[in-house]
Structure formats: structure tokens, C-alpha cells
Amino acid sequence: MKYENFETLKKNSDFRRVYSRRRSFANKYLIMYVLENGTDTVRLGVSVSKKVGNSIVRHRLARLIREAFRLNSGNVKRGMDIVVVARDGLKGKSYYETEEAMIYLLNQHKLLL
């Protein structure tokens, strides 16, 4: 799927490649893994475990994460694969708390322009 400024990771092999580099930062709500992809596009993968909640909860969290990334993707360094993993603490949080957590992690990885 292609959004305005980024594409999505879908294949398990893509996710595993990003995980294998082990460049990650985390906070109470999210874990973010990053890997350079050698292209000019930013690709986002979102992972929400069944431990976090039922399918309704998991899909809501995935939508919040994607939307927070979409609205900030214009300021993100190009050529990166980013995997965001939702933690149990994100359940029940608002969009603004999700966006704040994401911006914090993007700053940690020095990905914001």
C-alpha cells in the first residue's frame, strides 16, 4: 500500500531483516527498529501482538501508529525501513500520546529533519 510519503512493509522477510540489525529504541508505548534500505523511500511496518488485545484493539492501535507516522512522514529522513511494535501500554491511549511517543523515538534514531 502506498501512502503520501511512505510505503508499507508487508513481507515477513522484510520485517525480519529490520529486526536482525537490532538498531532499536523503546519507550512505554512503542518499540522502533530502523534499517537503511538503500532507496529514496521510507517504508513503515507496524506490528501489534495478540498479547496487546483482541483484533479490534490491535487494528485501532495499528491505525493510530500509521496515522501518526503519516502526518509526520514529511519530516522523516528518506531511505529508511522502520518497524514500529506496539506495547501493551499503548492500549487505551489517545492519538496525541501515540504521536508523542513516535516523535520521541524518531528523535532518538535521529530520523527527523
N, C-alpha and C. Protein backbone atom coordinates (compact mmCIF):
# COMPACT_ATOMS: atom_id res chain seq x y z
N MET A 1 0.85 -1.18 0.00
CA MET A 1 0.00 0.00 0.00
C MET A 1 0.89 1.24 0.00
N LYS A 2 0.53 2.24 -0.75
CA LYS A 2 1.33 3.46 -0.81
C LYS A 2 0.53 4.62 -0.23
N TYR A 3 1.09 5.27 0.76
CA TYR A 3 0.50 6.46 1.33
C TYR A 3 1.17 7.66 0.68
N GLU A 4 0.97 8.83 1.23
CA GLU A 4 1.53 10.04 0.62
C GLU A 4 3.05 10.00 0.51
N ASN A 5 3.73 9.84 1.62
CA ASN A 5 5.18 9.96 1.62
C ASN A 5 5.91 8.68 2.00
N PHE A 6 5.18 7.58 2.14
CA PHE A 6 5.85 6.34 2.55
C PHE A 6 5.09 5.13 2.04
N GLU A 7 5.79 4.00 2.03
CA GLU A 7 5.19 2.73 1.66
C GLU A 7 5.14 1.86 2.91
N THR A 8 4.45 0.72 2.82
CA THR A 8 4.36 -0.16 3.98
C THR A 8 5.16 -1.44 3.73
N LEU A 9 5.72 -1.97 4.81
CA LEU A 9 6.37 -3.28 4.77
C LEU A 9 5.28 -4.32 4.98
N LYS A 10 5.31 -5.38 4.18
CA LYS A 10 4.29 -6.41 4.32
C LYS A 10 4.89 -7.80 4.52
N LYS A 11 6.02 -8.07 3.88
CA LYS A 11 6.59 -9.41 3.92
C LYS A 11 7.30 -9.68 5.24
N ASN A 12 7.13 -10.90 5.74
CA ASN A 12 7.79 -11.33 6.96
C ASN A 12 9.31 -11.19 6.81
N SER A 13 9.84 -11.47 5.62
CA SER A 13 11.29 -11.37 5.40
C SER A 13 11.77 -9.93 5.56
N ASP A 14 10.95 -8.95 5.13
CA ASP A 14 11.31 -7.54 5.31
C ASP A 14 11.38 -7.18 6.79
N PHE A 15 10.37 -7.64 7.55
CA PHE A 15 10.35 -7.37 8.99
C PHE A 15 11.58 -8.00 9.65
N ARG A 16 11.87 -9.26 9.31
CA ARG A 16 12.99 -9.97 9.92
C ARG A 16 14.33 -9.30 9.61
N ARG A 17 14.47 -8.76 8.39
CA ARG A 17 15.71 -8.08 8.01
C ARG A 17 15.92 -6.84 8.90
N VAL A 18 14.85 -6.09 9.15
CA VAL A 18 14.96 -4.90 10.01
C VAL A 18 15.26 -5.31 11.45
N TYR A 19 14.57 -6.36 11.95
CA TYR A 19 14.82 -6.83 13.32
C TYR A 19 16.27 -7.30 13.49
N SER A 20 16.82 -7.94 12.46
CA SER A 20 18.14 -8.56 12.59
C SER A 20 19.24 -7.54 12.84
N ARG A 21 19.06 -6.30 12.40
CA ARG A 21 20.07 -5.27 12.62
C ARG A 21 20.11 -4.81 14.08
N ARG A 22 19.03 -5.02 14.81
CA ARG A 22 18.98 -4.70 16.24
C ARG A 22 19.21 -3.24 16.58
N ARG A 23 18.92 -2.31 15.65
CA ARG A 23 19.00 -0.88 15.99
C ARG A 23 17.63 -0.47 16.48
N SER A 24 17.46 -0.40 17.79
CA SER A 24 16.12 -0.10 18.30
C SER A 24 16.18 0.83 19.50
N PHE A 25 15.10 1.57 19.66
CA PHE A 25 14.87 2.37 20.86
C PHE A 25 13.43 2.09 21.28
N ALA A 26 13.14 2.27 22.56
CA ALA A 26 11.80 1.97 23.05
C ALA A 26 11.40 2.99 24.12
N ASN A 27 10.10 3.10 24.31
CA ASN A 27 9.55 3.85 25.43
C ASN A 27 8.38 3.03 25.99
N LYS A 28 7.54 3.64 26.82
CA LYS A 28 6.45 2.88 27.45
C LYS A 28 5.47 2.30 26.46
N TYR A 29 5.32 2.96 25.30
CA TYR A 29 4.24 2.60 24.37
C TYR A 29 4.70 1.90 23.11
N LEU A 30 5.91 2.20 22.64
CA LEU A 30 6.35 1.69 21.33
C LEU A 30 7.79 1.21 21.37
N ILE A 31 8.12 0.31 20.44
CA ILE A 31 9.50 -0.07 20.15
C ILE A 31 9.70 0.24 18.67
N MET A 32 10.81 0.89 18.33
CA MET A 32 11.06 1.24 16.93
C MET A 32 12.40 0.67 16.48
N TYR A 33 12.35 -0.14 15.41
CA TYR A 33 13.53 -0.70 14.77
C TYR A 33 13.76 0.04 13.47
N VAL A 34 15.04 0.31 13.12
CA VAL A 34 15.35 1.10 11.93
C VAL A 34 16.49 0.44 11.16
N LEU A 35 16.38 0.50 9.82
CA LEU A 35 17.42 -0.02 8.94
C LEU A 35 17.43 0.80 7.66
N GLU A 36 18.61 1.16 7.17
CA GLU A 36 18.68 1.86 5.88
C GLU A 36 18.33 0.88 4.78
N ASN A 37 17.51 1.34 3.79
CA ASN A 37 17.09 0.42 2.74
C ASN A 37 17.73 0.69 1.39
N GLY A 38 18.57 1.72 1.29
CA GLY A 38 19.28 1.97 0.05
C GLY A 38 18.44 2.57 -1.06
N THR A 39 17.22 2.98 -0.77
CA THR A 39 16.37 3.62 -1.77
C THR A 39 16.06 5.03 -1.31
N ASP A 40 15.15 5.69 -2.02
CA ASP A 40 14.77 7.05 -1.65
C ASP A 40 13.42 7.08 -0.94
N THR A 41 12.89 5.91 -0.58
CA THR A 41 11.57 5.85 0.06
C THR A 41 11.69 5.45 1.52
N VAL A 42 10.68 5.85 2.27
CA VAL A 42 10.56 5.42 3.66
C VAL A 42 9.51 4.33 3.67
N ARG A 43 9.84 3.21 4.31
CA ARG A 43 8.87 2.11 4.40
C ARG A 43 8.58 1.84 5.87
N LEU A 44 7.29 1.75 6.19
CA LEU A 44 6.85 1.56 7.57
C LEU A 44 6.19 0.20 7.73
N GLY A 45 6.58 -0.51 8.76
CA GLY A 45 5.92 -1.75 9.15
C GLY A 45 5.38 -1.59 10.55
N VAL A 46 4.16 -2.07 10.78
CA VAL A 46 3.54 -1.95 12.10
C VAL A 46 3.24 -3.36 12.61
N SER A 47 3.62 -3.63 13.85
CA SER A 47 3.38 -4.94 14.44
C SER A 47 2.67 -4.75 15.79
N VAL A 48 1.55 -5.44 15.95
CA VAL A 48 0.81 -5.40 17.21
C VAL A 48 0.51 -6.85 17.60
N SER A 49 1.09 -7.30 18.68
CA SER A 49 0.96 -8.69 19.12
C SER A 49 -0.43 -9.00 19.66
N LYS A 50 -0.79 -10.27 19.60
CA LYS A 50 -2.07 -10.70 20.18
C LYS A 50 -2.10 -10.49 21.69
N LYS A 51 -0.92 -10.39 22.31
CA LYS A 51 -0.86 -10.15 23.76
C LYS A 51 -1.43 -8.79 24.13
N VAL A 52 -1.44 -7.86 23.15
CA VAL A 52 -1.91 -6.50 23.42
C VAL A 52 -3.42 -6.44 23.55
N GLY A 53 -4.14 -7.26 22.79
CA GLY A 53 -5.59 -7.23 22.88
C GLY A 53 -6.24 -7.98 21.73
N ASN A 54 -7.57 -7.90 21.66
CA ASN A 54 -8.28 -8.58 20.59
C ASN A 54 -8.10 -7.85 19.28
N SER A 55 -8.67 -8.36 18.20
CA SER A 55 -8.40 -7.80 16.87
C SER A 55 -8.86 -6.35 16.75
N ILE A 56 -9.94 -6.00 17.43
CA ILE A 56 -10.44 -4.63 17.36
C ILE A 56 -9.42 -3.67 17.97
N VAL A 57 -8.89 -4.04 19.12
CA VAL A 57 -7.88 -3.22 19.80
C VAL A 57 -6.62 -3.14 18.95
N ARG A 58 -6.16 -4.30 18.43
CA ARG A 58 -4.92 -4.33 17.64
C ARG A 58 -5.04 -3.47 16.38
N HIS A 59 -6.16 -3.56 15.68
CA HIS A 59 -6.32 -2.77 14.46
C HIS A 59 -6.40 -1.27 14.77
N ARG A 60 -7.04 -0.91 15.88
CA ARG A 60 -7.10 0.50 16.26
C ARG A 60 -5.70 1.05 16.53
N LEU A 61 -4.89 0.27 17.25
CA LEU A 61 -3.53 0.72 17.55
C LEU A 61 -2.70 0.83 16.27
N ALA A 62 -2.86 -0.11 15.36
CA ALA A 62 -2.11 -0.06 14.10
C ALA A 62 -2.50 1.18 13.30
N ARG A 63 -3.80 1.50 13.29
CA ARG A 63 -4.26 2.70 12.57
C ARG A 63 -3.70 3.97 13.21
N LEU A 64 -3.69 4.02 14.55
CA LEU A 64 -3.13 5.19 15.24
C LEU A 64 -1.66 5.38 14.90
N ILE A 65 -0.91 4.29 14.90
CA ILE A 65 0.53 4.36 14.61
C ILE A 65 0.74 4.83 13.17
N ARG A 66 0.01 4.24 12.22
CA ARG A 66 0.16 4.63 10.82
C ARG A 66 -0.21 6.10 10.60
N GLU A 67 -1.27 6.55 11.24
CA GLU A 67 -1.70 7.94 11.08
C GLU A 67 -0.68 8.90 11.68
N ALA A 68 -0.16 8.57 12.86
CA ALA A 68 0.85 9.42 13.49
C ALA A 68 2.09 9.50 12.60
N PHE A 69 2.45 8.38 11.98
CA PHE A 69 3.60 8.39 11.09
C PHE A 69 3.30 9.18 9.81
N ARG A 70 2.11 8.99 9.26
CA ARG A 70 1.74 9.67 8.01
C ARG A 70 1.82 11.18 8.16
N LEU A 71 1.29 11.69 9.27
CA LEU A 71 1.26 13.13 9.48
C LEU A 71 2.65 13.72 9.75
N ASN A 72 3.60 12.88 10.13
CA ASN A 72 4.96 13.36 10.39
C ASN A 72 5.97 12.86 9.36
N SER A 73 5.52 12.11 8.36
CA SER A 73 6.45 11.47 7.42
C SER A 73 7.18 12.48 6.53
N GLY A 74 6.63 13.67 6.37
CA GLY A 74 7.32 14.68 5.58
C GLY A 74 8.61 15.14 6.22
N ASN A 75 8.74 14.93 7.53
CA ASN A 75 9.94 15.36 8.27
C ASN A 75 10.90 14.22 8.55
N VAL A 76 10.63 13.03 8.00
CA VAL A 76 11.45 11.85 8.29
C VAL A 76 12.51 11.67 7.22
N LYS A 77 13.73 11.34 7.65
CA LYS A 77 14.84 11.09 6.74
C LYS A 77 14.47 9.99 5.74
N ARG A 78 14.77 10.21 4.46
CA ARG A 78 14.43 9.25 3.41
C ARG A 78 15.36 8.04 3.43
N GLY A 79 14.92 6.96 2.79
CA GLY A 79 15.77 5.78 2.62
C GLY A 79 15.85 4.89 3.84
N MET A 80 14.77 4.81 4.61
CA MET A 80 14.79 4.01 5.83
C MET A 80 13.64 3.01 5.84
N ASP A 81 13.89 1.83 6.40
CA ASP A 81 12.84 0.88 6.74
C ASP A 81 12.63 1.03 8.25
N ILE A 82 11.39 1.25 8.65
CA ILE A 82 11.07 1.46 10.06
C ILE A 82 10.00 0.47 10.46
N VAL A 83 10.25 -0.29 11.53
CA VAL A 83 9.24 -1.19 12.08
C VAL A 83 8.88 -0.67 13.46
N VAL A 84 7.58 -0.45 13.68
CA VAL A 84 7.08 0.03 14.96
C VAL A 84 6.28 -1.09 15.60
N VAL A 85 6.65 -1.46 16.82
CA VAL A 85 5.96 -2.51 17.56
C VAL A 85 5.20 -1.84 18.71
N ALA A 86 3.90 -2.11 18.78
CA ALA A 86 3.08 -1.53 19.85
C ALA A 86 3.25 -2.36 21.12
N ARG A 87 3.40 -1.67 22.23
CA ARG A 87 3.46 -2.34 23.53
C ARG A 87 2.10 -2.28 24.19
N ASP A 88 1.92 -3.11 25.20
CA ASP A 88 0.64 -3.19 25.92
C ASP A 88 0.22 -1.85 26.50
N GLY A 89 1.19 -1.01 26.87
CA GLY A 89 0.89 0.29 27.47
C GLY A 89 0.16 1.24 26.54
N LEU A 90 0.23 0.99 25.22
CA LEU A 90 -0.42 1.88 24.25
C LEU A 90 -1.93 1.71 24.24
N LYS A 91 -2.39 0.57 24.73
CA LYS A 91 -3.82 0.28 24.72
C LYS A 91 -4.58 1.35 25.50
N GLY A 92 -5.59 1.93 24.89
CA GLY A 92 -6.41 2.94 25.56
C GLY A 92 -5.85 4.35 25.51
N LYS A 93 -4.70 4.54 24.88
CA LYS A 93 -4.10 5.87 24.80
C LYS A 93 -4.67 6.63 23.59
N SER A 94 -4.57 7.94 23.64
CA SER A 94 -5.11 8.78 22.58
C SER A 94 -4.14 8.88 21.42
N TYR A 95 -4.62 9.49 20.33
CA TYR A 95 -3.77 9.73 19.17
C TYR A 95 -2.57 10.59 19.55
N TYR A 96 -2.79 11.62 20.37
CA TYR A 96 -1.73 12.56 20.72
C TYR A 96 -0.62 11.88 21.52
N GLU A 97 -0.99 10.97 22.41
CA GLU A 97 0.02 10.24 23.18
C GLU A 97 0.81 9.31 22.26
N THR A 98 0.12 8.71 21.28
CA THR A 98 0.78 7.83 20.31
C THR A 98 1.76 8.64 19.47
N GLU A 99 1.32 9.81 18.99
CA GLU A 99 2.18 10.65 18.16
C GLU A 99 3.39 11.13 18.96
N GLU A 100 3.18 11.50 20.20
CA GLU A 100 4.27 11.97 21.06
C GLU A 100 5.32 10.87 21.24
N ALA A 101 4.85 9.65 21.48
CA ALA A 101 5.76 8.51 21.66
C ALA A 101 6.54 8.25 20.38
N MET A 102 5.87 8.37 19.22
CA MET A 102 6.54 8.13 17.95
C MET A 102 7.58 9.20 17.65
N ILE A 103 7.24 10.46 17.88
CA ILE A 103 8.18 11.55 17.63
C ILE A 103 9.41 11.41 18.53
N TYR A 104 9.20 11.01 19.77
CA TYR A 104 10.31 10.79 20.69
C TYR A 104 11.27 9.75 20.12
N LEU A 105 10.73 8.63 19.62
CA LEU A 105 11.58 7.56 19.09
C LEU A 105 12.26 7.97 17.78
N LEU A 106 11.55 8.71 16.93
CA LEU A 106 12.18 9.20 15.70
C LEU A 106 13.35 10.12 16.04
N ASN A 107 13.21 10.93 17.08
CA ASN A 107 14.31 11.79 17.53
C ASN A 107 15.47 10.97 18.06
N GLN A 108 15.17 9.90 18.81
CA GLN A 108 16.21 9.03 19.34
C GLN A 108 17.07 8.42 18.22
N HIS A 109 16.39 8.03 17.13
CA HIS A 109 17.08 7.45 15.97
C HIS A 109 17.69 8.52 15.06
N LYS A 110 17.48 9.80 15.40
CA LYS A 110 17.96 10.93 14.59
C LYS A 110 17.41 10.88 13.17
N LEU A 111 16.10 10.58 13.05
CA LEU A 111 15.46 10.47 11.75
C LEU A 111 14.65 11.70 11.37
N LEU A 112 14.41 12.60 12.32
CA LEU A 112 13.64 13.80 11.99
C LEU A 112 14.56 14.85 11.39
N LEU A 113 14.08 15.47 10.33
CA LEU A 113 14.88 16.51 9.65
C LEU A 113 14.76 17.83 10.38
